[in-house]
Amino acid sequence: MELNRYVGAQIKKFREARNMTQDDLAEKLLTTRQTVSRYENGDRKTNQDILFELANIFHVQVDDFFPDRKDKVKESNPFDTLAAHAADRDHEFTPEEIDRIKGYIDGIIDNYESKHSDNK
């Protein structure tokens, strides 16, 4: 996929995840709905100033607009996996949900350790 189209798809994904219309986003960017549409379709490149503004509006990192690089080292962290899974579903965890998830994980670990300590 061409980079402009990828970035545009990300803009649309982040916009829709926040229940914003193209008009809403255009107002925040001080531009027109047509310009937002062109960004999302990949017909117009977003410059770095626009990407930084979009990152602020959507509360994401500028890197989130770009595909993962193959040479990027990824740490294996289960909470990153959970966050990525939630992001795919356009869901942001509340502090209460995070506490419940941590408790669930602790319970699984405790259960695993108790089963394996009995076998020693």
PDB file of N, CA and C in Angstrom:
ATOM      1  N   MET A   1       0.850  -1.182   0.000  1.00  0.00           N
ATOM      2  CA  MET A   1       0.000   0.000   0.000  1.00  0.00           C
ATOM      3  C   MET A   1       0.893   1.242   0.000  1.00  0.00           C
ATOM      4  N   GLU A   2       0.558   2.175  -0.809  1.00  0.00           N
ATOM      5  CA  GLU A   2       1.273   3.446  -0.894  1.00  0.00           C
ATOM      6  C   GLU A   2       1.199   4.181   0.447  1.00  0.00           C
ATOM      7  N   LEU A   3       2.293   4.826   0.839  1.00  0.00           N
ATOM      8  CA  LEU A   3       2.377   5.460   2.156  1.00  0.00           C
ATOM      9  C   LEU A   3       1.275   6.495   2.374  1.00  0.00           C
ATOM     10  N   ASN A   4       0.994   7.337   1.369  1.00  0.00           N
ATOM     11  CA  ASN A   4      -0.064   8.350   1.539  1.00  0.00           C
ATOM     12  C   ASN A   4      -1.397   7.709   1.878  1.00  0.00           C
ATOM     13  N   ARG A   5      -1.688   6.599   1.225  1.00  0.00           N
ATOM     14  CA  ARG A   5      -2.957   5.904   1.473  1.00  0.00           C
ATOM     15  C   ARG A   5      -2.968   5.255   2.850  1.00  0.00           C
ATOM     16  N   TYR A   6      -1.813   4.725   3.268  1.00  0.00           N
ATOM     17  CA  TYR A   6      -1.725   4.118   4.594  1.00  0.00           C
ATOM     18  C   TYR A   6      -1.957   5.177   5.676  1.00  0.00           C
ATOM     19  N   VAL A   7      -1.246   6.303   5.558  1.00  0.00           N
ATOM     20  CA  VAL A   7      -1.407   7.394   6.521  1.00  0.00           C
ATOM     21  C   VAL A   7      -2.859   7.874   6.531  1.00  0.00           C
ATOM     22  N   GLY A   8      -3.439   8.004   5.358  1.00  0.00           N
ATOM     23  CA  GLY A   8      -4.836   8.429   5.255  1.00  0.00           C
ATOM     24  C   GLY A   8      -5.788   7.463   5.936  1.00  0.00           C
ATOM     25  N   ALA A   9      -5.539   6.175   5.762  1.00  0.00           N
ATOM     26  CA  ALA A   9      -6.383   5.161   6.406  1.00  0.00           C
ATOM     27  C   ALA A   9      -6.266   5.255   7.930  1.00  0.00           C
ATOM     28  N   GLN A  10      -5.062   5.552   8.402  1.00  0.00           N
ATOM     29  CA  GLN A  10      -4.855   5.710   9.845  1.00  0.00           C
ATOM     30  C   GLN A  10      -5.607   6.938  10.364  1.00  0.00           C
ATOM     31  N   ILE A  11      -5.539   8.026   9.617  1.00  0.00           N
ATOM     32  CA  ILE A  11      -6.259   9.241  10.016  1.00  0.00           C
ATOM     33  C   ILE A  11      -7.747   8.927  10.133  1.00  0.00           C
ATOM     34  N   LYS A  12      -8.280   8.255   9.131  1.00  0.00           N
ATOM     35  CA  LYS A  12      -9.713   7.912   9.142  1.00  0.00           C
ATOM     36  C   LYS A  12     -10.032   6.994  10.319  1.00  0.00           C
ATOM     37  N   LYS A  13      -9.178   5.995  10.569  1.00  0.00           N
ATOM     38  CA  LYS A  13      -9.404   5.060  11.677  1.00  0.00           C
ATOM     39  C   LYS A  13      -9.443   5.810  13.006  1.00  0.00           C
ATOM     40  N   PHE A  14      -8.454   6.688  13.230  1.00  0.00           N
ATOM     41  CA  PHE A  14      -8.410   7.440  14.490  1.00  0.00           C
ATOM     42  C   PHE A  14      -9.596   8.399  14.603  1.00  0.00           C
ATOM     43  N   ARG A  15      -9.964   9.015  13.495  1.00  0.00           N
ATOM     44  CA  ARG A  15     -11.098   9.956  13.508  1.00  0.00           C
ATOM     45  C   ARG A  15     -12.385   9.228  13.863  1.00  0.00           C
ATOM     46  N   GLU A  16     -12.637   8.109  13.185  1.00  0.00           N
ATOM     47  CA  GLU A  16     -13.868   7.358  13.421  1.00  0.00           C
ATOM     48  C   GLU A  16     -13.897   6.759  14.827  1.00  0.00           C
ATOM     49  N   ALA A  17     -12.736   6.379  15.352  1.00  0.00           N
ATOM     50  CA  ALA A  17     -12.673   5.817  16.705  1.00  0.00           C
ATOM     51  C   ALA A  17     -13.110   6.848  17.747  1.00  0.00           C
ATOM     52  N   ARG A  18     -12.977   8.109  17.401  1.00  0.00           N
ATOM     53  CA  ARG A  18     -13.376   9.178  18.313  1.00  0.00           C
ATOM     54  C   ARG A  18     -14.715   9.789  17.922  1.00  0.00           C
ATOM     55  N   ASN A  19     -15.431   9.071  17.052  1.00  0.00           N
ATOM     56  CA  ASN A  19     -16.760   9.510  16.608  1.00  0.00           C
ATOM     57  C   ASN A  19     -16.761  10.936  16.082  1.00  0.00           C
ATOM     58  N   MET A  20     -15.717  11.270  15.349  1.00  0.00           N
ATOM     59  CA  MET A  20     -15.611  12.603  14.750  1.00  0.00           C
ATOM     60  C   MET A  20     -15.991  12.518  13.278  1.00  0.00           C
ATOM     61  N   THR A  21     -16.617  13.553  12.769  1.00  0.00           N
ATOM     62  CA  THR A  21     -16.875  13.657  11.342  1.00  0.00           C
ATOM     63  C   THR A  21     -15.681  14.332  10.686  1.00  0.00           C
ATOM     64  N   GLN A  22     -15.652  14.284   9.371  1.00  0.00           N
ATOM     65  CA  GLN A  22     -14.600  15.015   8.663  1.00  0.00           C
ATOM     66  C   GLN A  22     -14.727  16.506   8.935  1.00  0.00           C
ATOM     67  N   ASP A  23     -15.950  16.998   9.061  1.00  0.00           N
ATOM     68  CA  ASP A  23     -16.155  18.416   9.388  1.00  0.00           C
ATOM     69  C   ASP A  23     -15.580  18.755  10.767  1.00  0.00           C
ATOM     70  N   ASP A  24     -15.799  17.846  11.748  1.00  0.00           N
ATOM     71  CA  ASP A  24     -15.256  18.070  13.094  1.00  0.00           C
ATOM     72  C   ASP A  24     -13.731  18.180  13.045  1.00  0.00           C
ATOM     73  N   LEU A  25     -13.113  17.244  12.329  1.00  0.00           N
ATOM     74  CA  LEU A  25     -11.653  17.248  12.244  1.00  0.00           C
ATOM     75  C   LEU A  25     -11.154  18.474  11.486  1.00  0.00           C
ATOM     76  N   ALA A  26     -11.844  18.827  10.420  1.00  0.00           N
ATOM     77  CA  ALA A  26     -11.455  20.006   9.637  1.00  0.00           C
ATOM     78  C   ALA A  26     -11.466  21.259  10.513  1.00  0.00           C
ATOM     79  N   GLU A  27     -12.464  21.354  11.372  1.00  0.00           N
ATOM     80  CA  GLU A  27     -12.559  22.521  12.260  1.00  0.00           C
ATOM     81  C   GLU A  27     -11.361  22.574  13.209  1.00  0.00           C
ATOM     82  N   LYS A  28     -10.969  21.428  13.749  1.00  0.00           N
ATOM     83  CA  LYS A  28      -9.827  21.391  14.669  1.00  0.00           C
ATOM     84  C   LYS A  28      -8.515  21.705  13.951  1.00  0.00           C
ATOM     85  N   LEU A  29      -8.430  21.324  12.668  1.00  0.00           N
ATOM     86  CA  LEU A  29      -7.216  21.573  11.886  1.00  0.00           C
ATOM     87  C   LEU A  29      -7.232  22.935  11.189  1.00  0.00           C
ATOM     88  N   LEU A  30      -8.331  23.653  11.336  1.00  0.00           N
ATOM     89  CA  LEU A  30      -8.507  24.950  10.668  1.00  0.00           C
ATOM     90  C   LEU A  30      -8.368  24.802   9.153  1.00  0.00           C
ATOM     91  N   THR A  31      -9.071  23.810   8.617  1.00  0.00           N
ATOM     92  CA  THR A  31      -9.050  23.549   7.180  1.00  0.00           C
ATOM     93  C   THR A  31     -10.460  23.161   6.743  1.00  0.00           C
ATOM     94  N   THR A  32     -10.583  22.598   5.559  1.00  0.00           N
ATOM     95  CA  THR A  32     -11.895  22.224   5.040  1.00  0.00           C
ATOM     96  C   THR A  32     -12.114  20.715   5.113  1.00  0.00           C
ATOM     97  N   ARG A  33     -13.374  20.320   5.048  1.00  0.00           N
ATOM     98  CA  ARG A  33     -13.717  18.901   5.002  1.00  0.00           C
ATOM     99  C   ARG A  33     -13.091  18.242   3.782  1.00  0.00           C
ATOM    100  N   GLN A  34     -13.035  18.962   2.669  1.00  0.00           N
ATOM    101  CA  GLN A  34     -12.446  18.422   1.447  1.00  0.00           C
ATOM    102  C   GLN A  34     -10.970  18.082   1.644  1.00  0.00           C
ATOM    103  N   THR A  35     -10.253  18.931   2.371  1.00  0.00           N
ATOM    104  CA  THR A  35      -8.847  18.659   2.643  1.00  0.00           C
ATOM    105  C   THR A  35      -8.698  17.409   3.504  1.00  0.00           C
ATOM    106  N   VAL A  36      -9.538  17.280   4.519  1.00  0.00           N
ATOM    107  CA  VAL A  36      -9.507  16.079   5.365  1.00  0.00           C
ATOM    108  C   VAL A  36      -9.797  14.847   4.515  1.00  0.00           C
ATOM    109  N   SER A  37     -10.778  14.954   3.643  1.00  0.00           N
ATOM    110  CA  SER A  37     -11.112  13.841   2.749  1.00  0.00           C
ATOM    111  C   SER A  37      -9.924  13.471   1.871  1.00  0.00           C
ATOM    112  N   ARG A  38      -9.230  14.454   1.367  1.00  0.00           N
ATOM    113  CA  ARG A  38      -8.048  14.197   0.527  1.00  0.00           C
ATOM    114  C   ARG A  38      -6.926  13.535   1.331  1.00  0.00           C
ATOM    115  N   TYR A  39      -6.746  13.961   2.588  1.00  0.00           N
ATOM    116  CA  TYR A  39      -5.763  13.285   3.443  1.00  0.00           C
ATOM    117  C   TYR A  39      -6.145  11.817   3.602  1.00  0.00           C
ATOM    118  N   GLU A  40      -7.410  11.567   3.942  1.00  0.00           N
ATOM    119  CA  GLU A  40      -7.857  10.204   4.212  1.00  0.00           C
ATOM    120  C   GLU A  40      -7.802   9.308   2.982  1.00  0.00           C
ATOM    121  N   ASN A  41      -8.027   9.867   1.826  1.00  0.00           N
ATOM    122  CA  ASN A  41      -7.972   9.083   0.582  1.00  0.00           C
ATOM    123  C   ASN A  41      -6.553   8.912   0.056  1.00  0.00           C
ATOM    124  N   GLY A  42      -5.614   9.623   0.659  1.00  0.00           N
ATOM    125  CA  GLY A  42      -4.235   9.555   0.197  1.00  0.00           C
ATOM    126  C   GLY A  42      -3.967  10.422  -1.008  1.00  0.00           C
ATOM    127  N   ASP A  43      -4.930  11.286  -1.342  1.00  0.00           N
ATOM    128  CA  ASP A  43      -4.771  12.172  -2.496  1.00  0.00           C
ATOM    129  C   ASP A  43      -3.929  13.400  -2.163  1.00  0.00           C
ATOM    130  N   ARG A  44      -3.736  13.641  -0.872  1.00  0.00           N
ATOM    131  CA  ARG A  44      -2.937  14.791  -0.446  1.00  0.00           C
ATOM    132  C   ARG A  44      -2.026  14.348   0.690  1.00  0.00           C
ATOM    133  N   LYS A  45      -0.754  14.720   0.588  1.00  0.00           N
ATOM    134  CA  LYS A  45       0.203  14.368   1.631  1.00  0.00           C
ATOM    135  C   LYS A  45      -0.027  15.235   2.861  1.00  0.00           C
ATOM    136  N   THR A  46       0.194  14.612   4.023  1.00  0.00           N
ATOM    137  CA  THR A  46       0.160  15.374   5.274  1.00  0.00           C
ATOM    138  C   THR A  46       1.582  15.765   5.618  1.00  0.00           C
ATOM    139  N   ASN A  47       1.797  17.047   5.869  1.00  0.00           N
ATOM    140  CA  ASN A  47       3.145  17.471   6.254  1.00  0.00           C
ATOM    141  C   ASN A  47       3.354  17.210   7.743  1.00  0.00           C
ATOM    142  N   GLN A  48       4.568  17.423   8.210  1.00  0.00           N
ATOM    143  CA  GLN A  48       4.878  17.099   9.602  1.00  0.00           C
ATOM    144  C   GLN A  48       4.069  17.930  10.587  1.00  0.00           C
ATOM    145  N   ASP A  49       3.768  19.174  10.247  1.00  0.00           N
ATOM    146  CA  ASP A  49       2.968  20.009  11.147  1.00  0.00           C
ATOM    147  C   ASP A  49       1.569  19.423  11.325  1.00  0.00           C
ATOM    148  N   ILE A  50       0.986  18.983  10.226  1.00  0.00           N
ATOM    149  CA  ILE A  50      -0.352  18.386  10.282  1.00  0.00           C
ATOM    150  C   ILE A  50      -0.300  17.078  11.069  1.00  0.00           C
ATOM    151  N   LEU A  51       0.719  16.254  10.841  1.00  0.00           N
ATOM    152  CA  LEU A  51       0.829  14.988  11.571  1.00  0.00           C
ATOM    153  C   LEU A  51       0.972  15.230  13.076  1.00  0.00           C
ATOM    154  N   PHE A  52       1.747  16.220  13.470  1.00  0.00           N
ATOM    155  CA  PHE A  52       1.882  16.525  14.895  1.00  0.00           C
ATOM    156  C   PHE A  52       0.551  17.006  15.473  1.00  0.00           C
ATOM    157  N   GLU A  53      -0.161  17.819  14.719  1.00  0.00           N
ATOM    158  CA  GLU A  53      -1.465  18.295  15.183  1.00  0.00           C
ATOM    159  C   GLU A  53      -2.452  17.135  15.296  1.00  0.00           C
ATOM    160  N   LEU A  54      -2.454  16.250  14.291  1.00  0.00           N
ATOM    161  CA  LEU A  54      -3.337  15.073  14.338  1.00  0.00           C
ATOM    162  C   LEU A  54      -2.997  14.184  15.531  1.00  0.00           C
ATOM    163  N   ALA A  55      -1.704  13.997  15.788  1.00  0.00           N
ATOM    164  CA  ALA A  55      -1.292  13.189  16.930  1.00  0.00           C
ATOM    165  C   ALA A  55      -1.817  13.787  18.233  1.00  0.00           C
ATOM    166  N   ASN A  56      -1.775  15.102  18.345  1.00  0.00           N
ATOM    167  CA  ASN A  56      -2.314  15.769  19.540  1.00  0.00           C
ATOM    168  C   ASN A  56      -3.823  15.613  19.636  1.00  0.00           C
ATOM    169  N   ILE A  57      -4.505  15.776  18.534  1.00  0.00           N
ATOM    170  CA  ILE A  57      -5.968  15.662  18.519  1.00  0.00           C
ATOM    171  C   ILE A  57      -6.405  14.249  18.910  1.00  0.00           C
ATOM    172  N   PHE A  58      -5.722  13.239  18.357  1.00  0.00           N
ATOM    173  CA  PHE A  58      -6.127  11.848  18.573  1.00  0.00           C
ATOM    174  C   PHE A  58      -5.450  11.202  19.782  1.00  0.00           C
ATOM    175  N   HIS A  59      -4.527  11.929  20.427  1.00  0.00           N
ATOM    176  CA  HIS A  59      -3.787  11.390  21.577  1.00  0.00           C
ATOM    177  C   HIS A  59      -3.036  10.113  21.200  1.00  0.00           C
ATOM    178  N   VAL A  60      -2.309  10.181  20.084  1.00  0.00           N
ATOM    179  CA  VAL A  60      -1.481   9.069  19.611  1.00  0.00           C
ATOM    180  C   VAL A  60      -0.082   9.601  19.326  1.00  0.00           C
ATOM    181  N   GLN A  61       0.830   8.709  19.018  1.00  0.00           N
ATOM    182  CA  GLN A  61       2.173   9.093  18.622  1.00  0.00           C
ATOM    183  C   GLN A  61       2.212   9.318  17.109  1.00  0.00           C
ATOM    184  N   VAL A  62       3.088  10.170  16.634  1.00  0.00           N
ATOM    185  CA  VAL A  62       3.226  10.394  15.193  1.00  0.00           C
ATOM    186  C   VAL A  62       3.534   9.069  14.487  1.00  0.00           C
ATOM    187  N   ASP A  63       4.337   8.211  15.130  1.00  0.00           N
ATOM    188  CA  ASP A  63       4.664   6.904  14.542  1.00  0.00           C
ATOM    189  C   ASP A  63       3.435   6.047  14.273  1.00  0.00           C
ATOM    190  N   ASP A  64       2.353   6.286  15.014  1.00  0.00           N
ATOM    191  CA  ASP A  64       1.141   5.487  14.836  1.00  0.00           C
ATOM    192  C   ASP A  64       0.487   5.701  13.467  1.00  0.00           C
ATOM    193  N   PHE A  65       0.889   6.740  12.766  1.00  0.00           N
ATOM    194  CA  PHE A  65       0.343   6.989  11.432  1.00  0.00           C
ATOM    195  C   PHE A  65       1.066   6.184  10.351  1.00  0.00           C
ATOM    196  N   PHE A  66       2.176   5.560  10.722  1.00  0.00           N
ATOM    197  CA  PHE A  66       3.011   4.860   9.748  1.00  0.00           C
ATOM    198  C   PHE A  66       3.021   3.358  10.024  1.00  0.00           C
ATOM    199  N   PRO A  67       3.278   2.564   8.973  1.00  0.00           N
ATOM    200  CA  PRO A  67       3.364   1.114   9.186  1.00  0.00           C
ATOM    201  C   PRO A  67       4.576   0.781  10.051  1.00  0.00           C
ATOM    202  N   ASP A  68       4.474  -0.346  10.761  1.00  0.00           N
ATOM    203  CA  ASP A  68       5.615  -0.805  11.555  1.00  0.00           C
ATOM    204  C   ASP A  68       6.781  -1.094  10.635  1.00  0.00           C
ATOM    205  N   ARG A  69       7.948  -0.705  11.082  1.00  0.00           N
ATOM    206  CA  ARG A  69       9.158  -1.033  10.322  1.00  0.00           C
ATOM    207  C   ARG A  69       9.601  -2.424  10.709  1.00  0.00           C
ATOM    208  N   LYS A  70      10.057  -3.179   9.733  1.00  0.00           N
ATOM    209  CA  LYS A  70      10.497  -4.548   9.990  1.00  0.00           C
ATOM    210  C   LYS A  70      11.704  -4.597  10.913  1.00  0.00           C
ATOM    211  N   ASP A  71      12.531  -3.550  10.899  1.00  0.00           N
ATOM    212  CA  ASP A  71      13.727  -3.559  11.733  1.00  0.00           C
ATOM    213  C   ASP A  71      13.479  -3.006  13.130  1.00  0.00           C
ATOM    214  N   LYS A  72      12.234  -2.621  13.413  1.00  0.00           N
ATOM    215  CA  LYS A  72      11.902  -2.098  14.724  1.00  0.00           C
ATOM    216  C   LYS A  72      11.859  -3.257  15.725  1.00  0.00           C
ATOM    217  N   VAL A  73      12.568  -3.113  16.815  1.00  0.00           N
ATOM    218  CA  VAL A  73      12.588  -4.164  17.835  1.00  0.00           C
ATOM    219  C   VAL A  73      11.330  -4.024  18.686  1.00  0.00           C
ATOM    220  N   LYS A  74      10.623  -5.126  18.819  1.00  0.00           N
ATOM    221  CA  LYS A  74       9.417  -5.110  19.631  1.00  0.00           C
ATOM    222  C   LYS A  74       9.652  -5.947  20.880  1.00  0.00           C
ATOM    223  N   GLU A  75       9.315  -5.367  22.003  1.00  0.00           N
ATOM    224  CA  GLU A  75       9.427  -6.099  23.249  1.00  0.00           C
ATOM    225  C   GLU A  75       8.189  -6.956  23.411  1.00  0.00           C
ATOM    226  N   SER A  76       8.377  -8.111  23.985  1.00  0.00           N
ATOM    227  CA  SER A  76       7.264  -9.008  24.231  1.00  0.00           C
ATOM    228  C   SER A  76       6.690  -8.685  25.601  1.00  0.00           C
ATOM    229  N   ASN A  77       5.656  -7.887  25.621  1.00  0.00           N
ATOM    230  CA  ASN A  77       5.007  -7.488  26.855  1.00  0.00           C
ATOM    231  C   ASN A  77       3.530  -7.803  26.727  1.00  0.00           C
ATOM    232  N   PRO A  78       2.974  -8.618  27.593  1.00  0.00           N
ATOM    233  CA  PRO A  78       1.565  -8.984  27.460  1.00  0.00           C
ATOM    234  C   PRO A  78       0.626  -7.780  27.522  1.00  0.00           C
ATOM    235  N   PHE A  79       1.018  -6.743  28.263  1.00  0.00           N
ATOM    236  CA  PHE A  79       0.154  -5.568  28.335  1.00  0.00           C
ATOM    237  C   PHE A  79       0.158  -4.788  27.018  1.00  0.00           C
ATOM    238  N   ASP A  80       1.293  -4.813  26.305  1.00  0.00           N
ATOM    239  CA  ASP A  80       1.327  -4.215  24.970  1.00  0.00           C
ATOM    240  C   ASP A  80       0.398  -4.976  24.032  1.00  0.00           C
ATOM    241  N   THR A  81       0.404  -6.295  24.165  1.00  0.00           N
ATOM    242  CA  THR A  81      -0.472  -7.121  23.334  1.00  0.00           C
ATOM    243  C   THR A  81      -1.934  -6.805  23.629  1.00  0.00           C
ATOM    244  N   LEU A  82      -2.275  -6.685  24.903  1.00  0.00           N
ATOM    245  CA  LEU A  82      -3.647  -6.336  25.278  1.00  0.00           C
ATOM    246  C   LEU A  82      -4.023  -4.956  24.743  1.00  0.00           C
ATOM    247  N   ALA A  83      -3.097  -4.005  24.852  1.00  0.00           N
ATOM    248  CA  ALA A  83      -3.370  -2.652  24.363  1.00  0.00           C
ATOM    249  C   ALA A  83      -3.562  -2.656  22.852  1.00  0.00           C
ATOM    250  N   ALA A  84      -2.734  -3.417  22.142  1.00  0.00           N
ATOM    251  CA  ALA A  84      -2.873  -3.499  20.688  1.00  0.00           C
ATOM    252  C   ALA A  84      -4.200  -4.140  20.320  1.00  0.00           C
ATOM    253  N   HIS A  85      -4.576  -5.173  21.063  1.00  0.00           N
ATOM    254  CA  HIS A  85      -5.858  -5.839  20.802  1.00  0.00           C
ATOM    255  C   HIS A  85      -7.018  -4.867  21.030  1.00  0.00           C
ATOM    256  N   ALA A  86      -6.932  -4.089  22.089  1.00  0.00           N
ATOM    257  CA  ALA A  86      -7.978  -3.101  22.373  1.00  0.00           C
ATOM    258  C   ALA A  86      -8.002  -2.026  21.300  1.00  0.00           C
ATOM    259  N   ALA A  87      -6.831  -1.600  20.832  1.00  0.00           N
ATOM    260  CA  ALA A  87      -6.764  -0.568  19.790  1.00  0.00           C
ATOM    261  C   ALA A  87      -7.407  -1.066  18.500  1.00  0.00           C
ATOM    262  N   ASP A  88      -7.206  -2.358  18.185  1.00  0.00           N
ATOM    263  CA  ASP A  88      -7.841  -2.925  16.996  1.00  0.00           C
ATOM    264  C   ASP A  88      -9.351  -2.863  17.102  1.00  0.00           C
ATOM    265  N   ARG A  89      -9.847  -2.874  18.324  1.00  0.00           N
ATOM    266  CA  ARG A  89     -11.290  -2.829  18.555  1.00  0.00           C
ATOM    267  C   ARG A  89     -11.745  -1.398  18.890  1.00  0.00           C
ATOM    268  N   ASP A  90     -10.828  -0.445  18.725  1.00  0.00           N
ATOM    269  CA  ASP A  90     -11.114   0.960  19.024  1.00  0.00           C
ATOM    270  C   ASP A  90     -11.602   1.134  20.458  1.00  0.00           C
ATOM    271  N   HIS A  91     -10.875   0.522  21.398  1.00  0.00           N
ATOM    272  CA  HIS A  91     -11.260   0.580  22.807  1.00  0.00           C
ATOM    273  C   HIS A  91     -10.080   1.071  23.634  1.00  0.00           C
ATOM    274  N   GLU A  92     -10.326   2.000  24.511  1.00  0.00           N
ATOM    275  CA  GLU A  92      -9.309   2.449  25.449  1.00  0.00           C
ATOM    276  C   GLU A  92      -9.716   1.937  26.822  1.00  0.00           C
ATOM    277  N   PHE A  93      -8.779   1.274  27.518  1.00  0.00           N
ATOM    278  CA  PHE A  93      -9.075   0.725  28.824  1.00  0.00           C
ATOM    279  C   PHE A  93      -9.242   1.829  29.860  1.00  0.00           C
ATOM    280  N   THR A  94     -10.233   1.651  30.719  1.00  0.00           N
ATOM    281  CA  THR A  94     -10.383   2.537  31.868  1.00  0.00           C
ATOM    282  C   THR A  94      -9.446   2.029  32.958  1.00  0.00           C
ATOM    283  N   PRO A  95      -9.134   2.856  33.944  1.00  0.00           N
ATOM    284  CA  PRO A  95      -8.293   2.373  35.046  1.00  0.00           C
ATOM    285  C   PRO A  95      -8.901   1.145  35.748  1.00  0.00           C
ATOM    286  N   GLU A  96     -10.220   1.123  35.868  1.00  0.00           N
ATOM    287  CA  GLU A  96     -10.875  -0.023  36.500  1.00  0.00           C
ATOM    288  C   GLU A  96     -10.689  -1.292  35.665  1.00  0.00           C
ATOM    289  N   GLU A  97     -10.791  -1.162  34.342  1.00  0.00           N
ATOM    290  CA  GLU A  97     -10.594  -2.324  33.473  1.00  0.00           C
ATOM    291  C   GLU A  97      -9.154  -2.824  33.554  1.00  0.00           C
ATOM    292  N   ILE A  98      -8.210  -1.905  33.630  1.00  0.00           N
ATOM    293  CA  ILE A  98      -6.800  -2.291  33.742  1.00  0.00           C
ATOM    294  C   ILE A  98      -6.579  -3.065  35.040  1.00  0.00           C
ATOM    295  N   ASP A  99      -7.167  -2.585  36.140  1.00  0.00           N
ATOM    296  CA  ASP A  99      -7.039  -3.293  37.418  1.00  0.00           C
ATOM    297  C   ASP A  99      -7.651  -4.690  37.331  1.00  0.00           C
ATOM    298  N   ARG A 100      -8.811  -4.811  36.677  1.00  0.00           N
ATOM    299  CA  ARG A 100      -9.451  -6.131  36.522  1.00  0.00           C
ATOM    300  C   ARG A 100      -8.583  -7.056  35.684  1.00  0.00           C
ATOM    301  N   ILE A 101      -7.990  -6.537  34.621  1.00  0.00           N
ATOM    302  CA  ILE A 101      -7.127  -7.349  33.756  1.00  0.00           C
ATOM    303  C   ILE A 101      -5.895  -7.811  34.535  1.00  0.00           C
ATOM    304  N   LYS A 102      -5.279  -6.884  35.273  1.00  0.00           N
ATOM    305  CA  LYS A 102      -4.112  -7.254  36.072  1.00  0.00           C
ATOM    306  C   LYS A 102      -4.478  -8.334  37.092  1.00  0.00           C
ATOM    307  N   GLY A 103      -5.641  -8.183  37.731  1.00  0.00           N
ATOM    308  CA  GLY A 103      -6.093  -9.184  38.691  1.00  0.00           C
ATOM    309  C   GLY A 103      -6.315 -10.536  38.037  1.00  0.00           C
ATOM    310  N   TYR A 104      -6.883 -10.521  36.852  1.00  0.00           N
ATOM    311  CA  TYR A 104      -7.110 -11.757  36.112  1.00  0.00           C
ATOM    312  C   TYR A 104      -5.781 -12.426  35.768  1.00  0.00           C
ATOM    313  N   ILE A 105      -4.832 -11.655  35.297  1.00  0.00           N
ATOM    314  CA  ILE A 105      -3.509 -12.189  34.951  1.00  0.00           C
ATOM    315  C   ILE A 105      -2.824 -12.736  36.205  1.00  0.00           C
ATOM    316  N   ASP A 106      -2.893 -11.980  37.310  1.00  0.00           N
ATOM    317  CA  ASP A 106      -2.305 -12.465  38.561  1.00  0.00           C
ATOM    318  C   ASP A 106      -2.933 -13.795  38.969  1.00  0.00           C
ATOM    319  N   GLY A 107      -4.244 -13.916  38.803  1.00  0.00           N
ATOM    320  CA  GLY A 107      -4.933 -15.161  39.137  1.00  0.00           C
ATOM    321  C   GLY A 107      -4.454 -16.324  38.280  1.00  0.00           C
ATOM    322  N   ILE A 108      -4.256 -16.076  37.011  1.00  0.00           N
ATOM    323  CA  ILE A 108      -3.764 -17.132  36.109  1.00  0.00           C
ATOM    324  C   ILE A 108      -2.352 -17.554  36.516  1.00  0.00           C
ATOM    325  N   ILE A 109      -1.497 -16.573  36.812  1.00  0.00           N
ATOM    326  CA  ILE A 109      -0.123 -16.875  37.219  1.00  0.00           C
ATOM    327  C   ILE A 109      -0.117 -17.641  38.538  1.00  0.00           C
ATOM    328  N   ASP A 110      -0.919 -17.198  39.508  1.00  0.00           N
ATOM    329  CA  ASP A 110      -0.990 -17.892  40.796  1.00  0.00           C
ATOM    330  C   ASP A 110      -1.461 -19.332  40.610  1.00  0.00           C
ATOM    331  N   ASN A 111      -2.476 -19.533  39.773  1.00  0.00           N
ATOM    332  CA  ASN A 111      -2.996 -20.873  39.490  1.00  0.00           C
ATOM    333  C   ASN A 111      -1.916 -21.741  38.853  1.00  0.00           C
ATOM    334  N   TYR A 112      -1.195 -21.188  37.883  1.00  0.00           N
ATOM    335  CA  TYR A 112      -0.125 -21.918  37.200  1.00  0.00           C
ATOM    336  C   TYR A 112       0.960 -22.315  38.200  1.00  0.00           C
ATOM    337  N   GLU A 113       1.377 -21.338  39.019  1.00  0.00           N
ATOM    338  CA  GLU A 113       2.439 -21.612  39.984  1.00  0.00           C
ATOM    339  C   GLU A 113       2.004 -22.637  41.029  1.00  0.00           C
ATOM    340  N   SER A 114       0.759 -22.578  41.439  1.00  0.00           N
ATOM    341  CA  SER A 114       0.283 -23.536  42.432  1.00  0.00           C
ATOM    342  C   SER A 114       0.208 -24.936  41.851  1.00  0.00           C
ATOM    343  N   LYS A 115      -0.199 -25.083  40.601  1.00  0.00           N
ATOM    344  CA  LYS A 115      -0.253 -26.399  39.956  1.00  0.00           C
ATOM    345  C   LYS A 115       1.146 -26.976  39.788  1.00  0.00           C
ATOM    346  N   HIS A 116       2.083 -26.119  39.424  1.00  0.00           N
ATOM    347  CA  HIS A 116       3.444 -26.605  39.158  1.00  0.00           C
ATOM    348  C   HIS A 116       4.261 -26.778  40.426  1.00  0.00           C
ATOM    349  N   SER A 117       3.909 -26.088  41.496  1.00  0.00           N
ATOM    350  CA  SER A 117       4.648 -26.287  42.743  1.00  0.00           C
ATOM    351  C   SER A 117       4.215 -27.585  43.415  1.00  0.00           C
ATOM    352  N   ASP A 118       2.968 -28.044  43.154  1.00  0.00           N
ATOM    353  CA  ASP A 118       2.477 -29.321  43.692  1.00  0.00           C
ATOM    354  C   ASP A 118       3.178 -30.504  43.045  1.00  0.00           C
ATOM    355  N   ASN A 119       3.645 -30.332  41.813  1.00  0.00           N
ATOM    356  CA  ASN A 119       4.272 -31.425  41.088  1.00  0.00           C
ATOM    357  C   ASN A 119       5.738 -31.617  41.440  1.00  0.00           C
ATOM    358  N   LYS A 120       6.294 -30.746  42.265  1.00  0.00           N
ATOM    359  CA  LYS A 120       7.727 -30.838  42.601  1.00  0.00           C
ATOM    360  C   LYS A 120       7.949 -31.814  43.720  1.00  0.00           C
TER     361      LYS A 120
END
